[in-house]
Amino acid sequence: MTTLSQAHIAQLLARLHEQAEATDAPLLQEMQDRMGGTEMTIEDAAAKMIADEGVDYRRVYSGYADRFLAVSPNYGRFLYAMARAAQAKRIVEFGSSMGVSTIYLAAALRDNGGGQLIGAELEPTKAARARSHLEEAGLLDLVDIREGDALDTLKNIDGEVDLALIDGGWSLYLPVLKLIEPRLRPGALVLGENAFVRDYLDYVREPVNGYIAHTLPIDEGRGNEFAVKVA
């Protein structure tokens, strides 16, 4: 039996996904309403949010303090599988939110024999809830949730990183990747969830930057980009 399939973790994840769907539904509906009847695409919506973040991203994301903005169950299982396949021992997560994706990744660490997940979360209330959920899952000993601006909290990472999940503020996707890049081992996986950010996509898709990237057919429309650090 894997850690992910243990009854208490499976039940916890089912509950959190249900809560996330209920909590985030109004936000998703609002975005759909904005796009409905117009020629606005999700990329356009992302560009607008990035512009808003450029003015004050702390204000933008403080408005989402009660939103899960969580990965789907399908993507969560994919995260677990990738961390297992990579035999990951050190994982960096930008945008831990309430800890849903963190549980999938930490479960993989447990089944890999242990390790460390360093998570970055701007909102203190979200970080506290993430820790509570991880404690309930019995995985908190593997996780260091760092509160505050990821450009500060992810400066100090000891050792090589085997897998990185980029799933926080859109305007910081590329800056965070470049910040942790010196720690990425050859063959490290970089998973961009909701990766609609043009500069980030251009960077990981340009081979000269040392990556091979591909858009995943998982939760199509959510912009899930898979990249491998090859040089």
C-alpha atoms as a PDB file:
ATOM      1  CA  MET A   1       0.000   0.000   0.000  1.00  0.00           C
ATOM      2  CA  THR A   2       1.266   3.470  -0.855  1.00  0.00           C
ATOM      3  CA  THR A   3       1.074   6.416   1.496  1.00  0.00           C
ATOM      4  CA  LEU A   4      -1.340   8.088  -0.907  1.00  0.00           C
ATOM      5  CA  SER A   5      -3.763   5.169  -0.702  1.00  0.00           C
ATOM      6  CA  GLN A   6      -3.879   5.054   3.103  1.00  0.00           C
ATOM      7  CA  ALA A   7      -7.464   5.547   4.223  1.00  0.00           C
ATOM      8  CA  HIS A   8      -6.951   8.648   6.359  1.00  0.00           C
ATOM      9  CA  ILE A   9      -5.022  10.446   3.596  1.00  0.00           C
ATOM     10  CA  ALA A  10      -7.451   9.437   0.860  1.00  0.00           C
ATOM     11  CA  GLN A  11     -10.354  10.665   3.002  1.00  0.00           C
ATOM     12  CA  LEU A  12      -8.551  13.915   3.826  1.00  0.00           C
ATOM     13  CA  LEU A  13      -7.821  14.629   0.173  1.00  0.00           C
ATOM     14  CA  ALA A  14     -11.400  13.851  -0.836  1.00  0.00           C
ATOM     15  CA  ARG A  15     -12.631  16.310   1.788  1.00  0.00           C
ATOM     16  CA  LEU A  16     -10.172  19.018   0.753  1.00  0.00           C
ATOM     17  CA  HIS A  17     -10.977  18.662  -2.930  1.00  0.00           C
ATOM     18  CA  GLU A  18     -14.678  18.961  -2.113  1.00  0.00           C
ATOM     19  CA  GLN A  19     -14.027  22.089  -0.040  1.00  0.00           C
ATOM     20  CA  ALA A  20     -11.830  23.538  -2.780  1.00  0.00           C
ATOM     21  CA  GLU A  21     -14.495  23.025  -5.412  1.00  0.00           C
ATOM     22  CA  ALA A  22     -17.116  24.757  -3.281  1.00  0.00           C
ATOM     23  CA  THR A  23     -14.840  27.600  -2.203  1.00  0.00           C
ATOM     24  CA  ASP A  24     -13.337  28.350  -5.601  1.00  0.00           C
ATOM     25  CA  ALA A  25     -16.509  27.977  -7.688  1.00  0.00           C
ATOM     26  CA  PRO A  26     -17.543  31.659  -7.339  1.00  0.00           C
ATOM     27  CA  LEU A  27     -14.101  32.816  -8.466  1.00  0.00           C
ATOM     28  CA  LEU A  28     -14.125  30.517 -11.488  1.00  0.00           C
ATOM     29  CA  GLN A  29     -17.648  31.626 -12.367  1.00  0.00           C
ATOM     30  CA  GLU A  30     -16.581  35.259 -12.140  1.00  0.00           C
ATOM     31  CA  MET A  31     -13.745  34.616 -14.580  1.00  0.00           C
ATOM     32  CA  GLN A  32     -16.060  32.770 -16.962  1.00  0.00           C
ATOM     33  CA  ASP A  33     -18.574  35.629 -16.782  1.00  0.00           C
ATOM     34  CA  ARG A  34     -15.858  38.114 -17.688  1.00  0.00           C
ATOM     35  CA  MET A  35     -14.848  36.023 -20.664  1.00  0.00           C
ATOM     36  CA  GLY A  36     -18.379  35.147 -21.753  1.00  0.00           C
ATOM     37  CA  GLY A  37     -19.684  37.124 -24.683  1.00  0.00           C
ATOM     38  CA  THR A  38     -16.238  38.552 -25.378  1.00  0.00           C
ATOM     39  CA  GLU A  39     -13.191  37.465 -27.290  1.00  0.00           C
ATOM     40  CA  MET A  40     -11.134  37.344 -24.090  1.00  0.00           C
ATOM     41  CA  THR A  41      -9.118  34.139 -23.687  1.00  0.00           C
ATOM     42  CA  ILE A  42      -7.641  32.638 -20.540  1.00  0.00           C
ATOM     43  CA  GLU A  43      -4.305  34.036 -21.718  1.00  0.00           C
ATOM     44  CA  ASP A  44      -5.879  37.511 -21.854  1.00  0.00           C
ATOM     45  CA  ALA A  45      -7.253  37.055 -18.346  1.00  0.00           C
ATOM     46  CA  ALA A  46      -3.809  35.956 -17.165  1.00  0.00           C
ATOM     47  CA  ALA A  47      -2.201  39.002 -18.781  1.00  0.00           C
ATOM     48  CA  LYS A  48      -4.633  41.286 -16.955  1.00  0.00           C
ATOM     49  CA  MET A  49      -3.933  39.619 -13.630  1.00  0.00           C
ATOM     50  CA  ILE A  50      -0.189  39.840 -14.214  1.00  0.00           C
ATOM     51  CA  ALA A  51      -0.605  43.558 -14.867  1.00  0.00           C
ATOM     52  CA  ASP A  52      -2.553  43.889 -11.603  1.00  0.00           C
ATOM     53  CA  GLU A  53       0.137  41.909  -9.769  1.00  0.00           C
ATOM     54  CA  GLY A  54       2.757  44.254 -11.167  1.00  0.00           C
ATOM     55  CA  VAL A  55       1.106  47.102  -9.279  1.00  0.00           C
ATOM     56  CA  ASP A  56       0.770  45.234  -5.964  1.00  0.00           C
ATOM     57  CA  TYR A  57       0.807  41.429  -6.013  1.00  0.00           C
ATOM     58  CA  ARG A  58       0.516  41.187  -2.232  1.00  0.00           C
ATOM     59  CA  ARG A  59      -2.819  43.006  -2.404  1.00  0.00           C
ATOM     60  CA  VAL A  60      -4.007  40.816  -5.277  1.00  0.00           C
ATOM     61  CA  TYR A  61      -3.301  37.557  -3.464  1.00  0.00           C
ATOM     62  CA  SER A  62      -4.494  38.736  -0.064  1.00  0.00           C
ATOM     63  CA  GLY A  63      -7.881  38.853  -1.769  1.00  0.00           C
ATOM     64  CA  TYR A  64      -7.593  35.092  -2.326  1.00  0.00           C
ATOM     65  CA  ALA A  65      -6.689  34.240   1.266  1.00  0.00           C
ATOM     66  CA  ASP A  66      -9.802  32.095   1.670  1.00  0.00           C
ATOM     67  CA  ARG A  67      -9.514  30.382  -1.729  1.00  0.00           C
ATOM     68  CA  PHE A  68      -7.902  26.977  -2.140  1.00  0.00           C
ATOM     69  CA  LEU A  69      -6.852  27.459  -5.790  1.00  0.00           C
ATOM     70  CA  ALA A  70      -5.901  23.789  -5.536  1.00  0.00           C
ATOM     71  CA  VAL A  71      -4.734  21.261  -8.094  1.00  0.00           C
ATOM     72  CA  SER A  72      -7.289  18.739  -9.347  1.00  0.00           C
ATOM     73  CA  PRO A  73      -7.266  15.120  -8.127  1.00  0.00           C
ATOM     74  CA  ASN A  74      -5.937  14.066 -11.551  1.00  0.00           C
ATOM     75  CA  TYR A  75      -3.055  16.505 -11.367  1.00  0.00           C
ATOM     76  CA  GLY A  76      -2.385  15.602  -7.747  1.00  0.00           C
ATOM     77  CA  ARG A  77      -1.954  11.948  -8.679  1.00  0.00           C
ATOM     78  CA  PHE A  78       0.307  13.046 -11.526  1.00  0.00           C
ATOM     79  CA  LEU A  79       2.454  15.003  -9.056  1.00  0.00           C
ATOM     80  CA  TYR A  80       2.746  11.931  -6.844  1.00  0.00           C
ATOM     81  CA  ALA A  81       3.709   9.746  -9.806  1.00  0.00           C
ATOM     82  CA  MET A  82       6.325  12.192 -11.082  1.00  0.00           C
ATOM     83  CA  ALA A  83       7.926  12.581  -7.664  1.00  0.00           C
ATOM     84  CA  ARG A  84       8.085   8.793  -7.332  1.00  0.00           C
ATOM     85  CA  ALA A  85       9.486   8.332 -10.848  1.00  0.00           C
ATOM     86  CA  ALA A  86      12.147  10.975 -10.194  1.00  0.00           C
ATOM     87  CA  GLN A  87      12.957   9.316  -6.844  1.00  0.00           C
ATOM     88  CA  ALA A  88      12.747  12.825  -5.459  1.00  0.00           C
ATOM     89  CA  LYS A  89      14.357  13.587  -2.122  1.00  0.00           C
ATOM     90  CA  ARG A  90      14.126  17.390  -2.230  1.00  0.00           C
ATOM     91  CA  ILE A  91      11.128  19.210  -3.689  1.00  0.00           C
ATOM     92  CA  VAL A  92      10.408  22.932  -3.941  1.00  0.00           C
ATOM     93  CA  GLU A  93       6.818  24.137  -4.185  1.00  0.00           C
ATOM     94  CA  PHE A  94       6.019  27.744  -5.062  1.00  0.00           C
ATOM     95  CA  GLY A  95       2.452  28.414  -3.945  1.00  0.00           C
ATOM     96  CA  SER A  96       1.574  25.827  -1.290  1.00  0.00           C
ATOM     97  CA  SER A  97      -1.834  27.401  -0.590  1.00  0.00           C
ATOM     98  CA  MET A  98      -3.859  25.128   1.735  1.00  0.00           C
ATOM     99  CA  GLY A  99      -1.484  22.211   1.217  1.00  0.00           C
ATOM    100  CA  VAL A 100      -3.437  19.990  -1.177  1.00  0.00           C
ATOM    101  CA  SER A 101      -0.655  19.582  -3.745  1.00  0.00           C
ATOM    102  CA  THR A 102       1.798  19.473  -0.847  1.00  0.00           C
ATOM    103  CA  ILE A 103       0.127  16.330   0.499  1.00  0.00           C
ATOM    104  CA  TYR A 104       0.506  14.531  -2.838  1.00  0.00           C
ATOM    105  CA  LEU A 105       4.183  15.471  -3.068  1.00  0.00           C
ATOM    106  CA  ALA A 106       4.981  14.723   0.574  1.00  0.00           C
ATOM    107  CA  ALA A 107       3.301  11.315   0.234  1.00  0.00           C
ATOM    108  CA  ALA A 108       5.713  10.586  -2.602  1.00  0.00           C
ATOM    109  CA  LEU A 109       8.651  11.636  -0.432  1.00  0.00           C
ATOM    110  CA  ARG A 110       7.497   9.242   2.280  1.00  0.00           C
ATOM    111  CA  ASP A 111       7.313   6.391  -0.208  1.00  0.00           C
ATOM    112  CA  ASN A 112      10.717   7.367  -1.613  1.00  0.00           C
ATOM    113  CA  GLY A 113      12.197   6.783   1.834  1.00  0.00           C
ATOM    114  CA  GLY A 114      12.044  10.350   3.122  1.00  0.00           C
ATOM    115  CA  GLY A 115      13.296  13.769   2.128  1.00  0.00           C
ATOM    116  CA  GLN A 116      12.265  17.395   2.340  1.00  0.00           C
ATOM    117  CA  LEU A 117       9.644  19.552   0.672  1.00  0.00           C
ATOM    118  CA  ILE A 118      10.214  23.294   0.908  1.00  0.00           C
ATOM    119  CA  GLY A 119       6.988  25.176   0.301  1.00  0.00           C
ATOM    120  CA  ALA A 120       6.546  28.911  -0.192  1.00  0.00           C
ATOM    121  CA  GLU A 121       3.250  30.585   0.725  1.00  0.00           C
ATOM    122  CA  LEU A 122       2.617  34.317   0.876  1.00  0.00           C
ATOM    123  CA  GLU A 123      -0.537  34.212   3.018  1.00  0.00           C
ATOM    124  CA  PRO A 124       0.016  33.310   6.713  1.00  0.00           C
ATOM    125  CA  THR A 125      -3.531  31.953   7.095  1.00  0.00           C
ATOM    126  CA  LYS A 126      -3.030  29.607   4.158  1.00  0.00           C
ATOM    127  CA  ALA A 127       0.346  28.477   5.478  1.00  0.00           C
ATOM    128  CA  ALA A 128      -1.231  27.686   8.850  1.00  0.00           C
ATOM    129  CA  ARG A 129      -4.012  25.660   7.232  1.00  0.00           C
ATOM    130  CA  ALA A 130      -1.486  23.824   5.062  1.00  0.00           C
ATOM    131  CA  ARG A 131       0.493  22.806   8.151  1.00  0.00           C
ATOM    132  CA  SER A 132      -2.693  21.662   9.865  1.00  0.00           C
ATOM    133  CA  HIS A 133      -3.672  19.513   6.882  1.00  0.00           C
ATOM    134  CA  LEU A 134      -0.175  18.045   6.639  1.00  0.00           C
ATOM    135  CA  GLU A 135      -0.208  17.228  10.340  1.00  0.00           C
ATOM    136  CA  GLU A 136      -3.564  15.490   9.883  1.00  0.00           C
ATOM    137  CA  ALA A 137      -2.032  13.500   7.026  1.00  0.00           C
ATOM    138  CA  GLY A 138       0.979  12.572   9.159  1.00  0.00           C
ATOM    139  CA  LEU A 139       3.370  14.203   6.693  1.00  0.00           C
ATOM    140  CA  LEU A 140       4.350  17.450   8.410  1.00  0.00           C
ATOM    141  CA  ASP A 141       7.763  16.086   9.401  1.00  0.00           C
ATOM    142  CA  LEU A 142       8.740  16.093   5.712  1.00  0.00           C
ATOM    143  CA  VAL A 143       7.628  19.650   4.958  1.00  0.00           C
ATOM    144  CA  ASP A 144       8.978  23.140   5.640  1.00  0.00           C
ATOM    145  CA  ILE A 145       6.319  25.729   4.740  1.00  0.00           C
ATOM    146  CA  ARG A 146       7.990  29.126   4.533  1.00  0.00           C
ATOM    147  CA  GLU A 147       5.715  32.139   4.916  1.00  0.00           C
ATOM    148  CA  GLY A 148       6.285  35.321   2.935  1.00  0.00           C
ATOM    149  CA  ASP A 149       7.542  36.429  -0.447  1.00  0.00           C
ATOM    150  CA  ALA A 150       8.974  33.438  -2.314  1.00  0.00           C
ATOM    151  CA  LEU A 151      11.758  35.605  -3.717  1.00  0.00           C
ATOM    152  CA  ASP A 152      12.974  35.883  -0.124  1.00  0.00           C
ATOM    153  CA  THR A 153      11.948  32.558   1.409  1.00  0.00           C
ATOM    154  CA  LEU A 154      13.396  30.409  -1.387  1.00  0.00           C
ATOM    155  CA  LYS A 155      16.800  32.099  -1.451  1.00  0.00           C
ATOM    156  CA  ASN A 156      18.350  29.555   0.885  1.00  0.00           C
ATOM    157  CA  ILE A 157      17.971  25.961  -0.270  1.00  0.00           C
ATOM    158  CA  ASP A 158      20.549  23.395   0.777  1.00  0.00           C
ATOM    159  CA  GLY A 159      21.418  20.700  -1.720  1.00  0.00           C
ATOM    160  CA  GLU A 160      20.074  19.718  -5.112  1.00  0.00           C
ATOM    161  CA  VAL A 161      16.402  19.960  -6.019  1.00  0.00           C
ATOM    162  CA  ASP A 162      14.845  16.985  -7.802  1.00  0.00           C
ATOM    163  CA  LEU A 163      11.421  18.463  -8.567  1.00  0.00           C
ATOM    164  CA  ALA A 164       9.888  21.934  -8.526  1.00  0.00           C
ATOM    165  CA  LEU A 165       6.192  22.807  -8.676  1.00  0.00           C
ATOM    166  CA  ILE A 166       5.548  26.366  -9.867  1.00  0.00           C
ATOM    167  CA  ASP A 167       1.973  27.262  -8.923  1.00  0.00           C
ATOM    168  CA  GLY A 168       1.864  30.671  -7.242  1.00  0.00           C
ATOM    169  CA  GLY A 169       1.565  34.276  -8.357  1.00  0.00           C
ATOM    170  CA  TRP A 170       1.785  34.405 -12.153  1.00  0.00           C
ATOM    171  CA  SER A 171       4.115  37.389 -12.256  1.00  0.00           C
ATOM    172  CA  LEU A 172       6.664  35.411 -10.210  1.00  0.00           C
ATOM    173  CA  TYR A 173       6.759  32.179 -12.237  1.00  0.00           C
ATOM    174  CA  LEU A 174       9.933  33.052 -14.112  1.00  0.00           C
ATOM    175  CA  PRO A 175      11.672  34.971 -11.287  1.00  0.00           C
ATOM    176  CA  VAL A 176      11.115  32.042  -8.909  1.00  0.00           C
ATOM    177  CA  LEU A 177      12.356  29.521 -11.473  1.00  0.00           C
ATOM    178  CA  LYS A 178      15.510  31.555 -12.066  1.00  0.00           C
ATOM    179  CA  LEU A 179      16.010  31.903  -8.305  1.00  0.00           C
ATOM    180  CA  ILE A 180      15.991  28.143  -7.685  1.00  0.00           C
ATOM    181  CA  GLU A 181      17.565  27.192 -11.019  1.00  0.00           C
ATOM    182  CA  PRO A 182      21.130  26.878  -9.674  1.00  0.00           C
ATOM    183  CA  ARG A 183      19.835  24.180  -7.303  1.00  0.00           C
ATOM    184  CA  LEU A 184      18.057  22.099  -9.960  1.00  0.00           C
ATOM    185  CA  ARG A 185      19.961  18.891 -10.619  1.00  0.00           C
ATOM    186  CA  PRO A 186      20.391  17.602 -14.174  1.00  0.00           C
ATOM    187  CA  GLY A 187      17.177  15.752 -14.961  1.00  0.00           C
ATOM    188  CA  ALA A 188      15.135  17.717 -12.421  1.00  0.00           C
ATOM    189  CA  LEU A 189      11.437  18.058 -13.201  1.00  0.00           C
ATOM    190  CA  VAL A 190       9.842  21.510 -13.334  1.00  0.00           C
ATOM    191  CA  LEU A 191       6.049  21.442 -13.325  1.00  0.00           C
ATOM    192  CA  GLY A 192       4.220  24.668 -14.113  1.00  0.00           C
ATOM    193  CA  GLU A 193       0.546  24.485 -13.142  1.00  0.00           C
ATOM    194  CA  ASN A 194      -1.714  27.178 -14.625  1.00  0.00           C
ATOM    195  CA  ALA A 195       1.312  28.206 -16.656  1.00  0.00           C
ATOM    196  CA  PHE A 196      -0.217  30.875 -18.863  1.00  0.00           C
ATOM    197  CA  VAL A 197       2.677  33.279 -18.339  1.00  0.00           C
ATOM    198  CA  ARG A 198       4.292  34.124 -21.645  1.00  0.00           C
ATOM    199  CA  ASP A 199       7.808  34.871 -20.389  1.00  0.00           C
ATOM    200  CA  TYR A 200       7.871  31.653 -18.335  1.00  0.00           C
ATOM    201  CA  LEU A 201       6.677  29.524 -21.257  1.00  0.00           C
ATOM    202  CA  ASP A 202       9.092  31.160 -23.686  1.00  0.00           C
ATOM    203  CA  TYR A 203      11.940  30.494 -21.259  1.00  0.00           C
ATOM    204  CA  VAL A 204      11.344  26.785 -20.595  1.00  0.00           C
ATOM    205  CA  ARG A 205      10.509  26.114 -24.250  1.00  0.00           C
ATOM    206  CA  GLU A 206      13.781  27.622 -25.487  1.00  0.00           C
ATOM    207  CA  PRO A 207      16.362  24.771 -25.523  1.00  0.00           C
ATOM    208  CA  VAL A 208      19.269  27.168 -25.080  1.00  0.00           C
ATOM    209  CA  ASN A 209      18.026  27.731 -21.513  1.00  0.00           C
ATOM    210  CA  GLY A 210      18.593  24.070 -20.690  1.00  0.00           C
ATOM    211  CA  TYR A 211      15.060  22.663 -20.667  1.00  0.00           C
ATOM    212  CA  ILE A 212      12.868  20.397 -22.739  1.00  0.00           C
ATOM    213  CA  ALA A 213       9.222  21.353 -22.228  1.00  0.00           C
ATOM    214  CA  HIS A 214       5.827  20.068 -23.276  1.00  0.00           C
ATOM    215  CA  THR A 215       2.237  21.064 -22.502  1.00  0.00           C
ATOM    216  CA  LEU A 216       0.446  18.234 -20.708  1.00  0.00           C
ATOM    217  CA  PRO A 217      -2.973  16.910 -21.747  1.00  0.00           C
ATOM    218  CA  ILE A 218      -4.051  16.850 -18.089  1.00  0.00           C
ATOM    219  CA  ASP A 219      -6.933  19.148 -17.131  1.00  0.00           C
ATOM    220  CA  GLU A 220      -6.767  20.669 -20.591  1.00  0.00           C
ATOM    221  CA  GLY A 221      -7.213  24.401 -20.549  1.00  0.00           C
ATOM    222  CA  ARG A 222      -5.385  24.788 -17.232  1.00  0.00           C
ATOM    223  CA  GLY A 223      -2.019  25.335 -18.876  1.00  0.00           C
ATOM    224  CA  ASN A 224      -0.020  22.511 -17.315  1.00  0.00           C
ATOM    225  CA  GLU A 225       3.555  22.707 -18.574  1.00  0.00           C
ATOM    226  CA  PHE A 226       6.063  19.893 -18.006  1.00  0.00           C
ATOM    227  CA  ALA A 227       9.775  20.646 -18.271  1.00  0.00           C
ATOM    228  CA  VAL A 228      12.964  18.702 -17.635  1.00  0.00           C
ATOM    229  CA  LYS A 229      16.272  20.392 -16.775  1.00  0.00           C
ATOM    230  CA  VAL A 230      18.632  18.798 -19.262  1.00  0.00           C
ATOM    231  CA  ALA A 231      21.624  21.143 -19.151  1.00  0.00           C
END
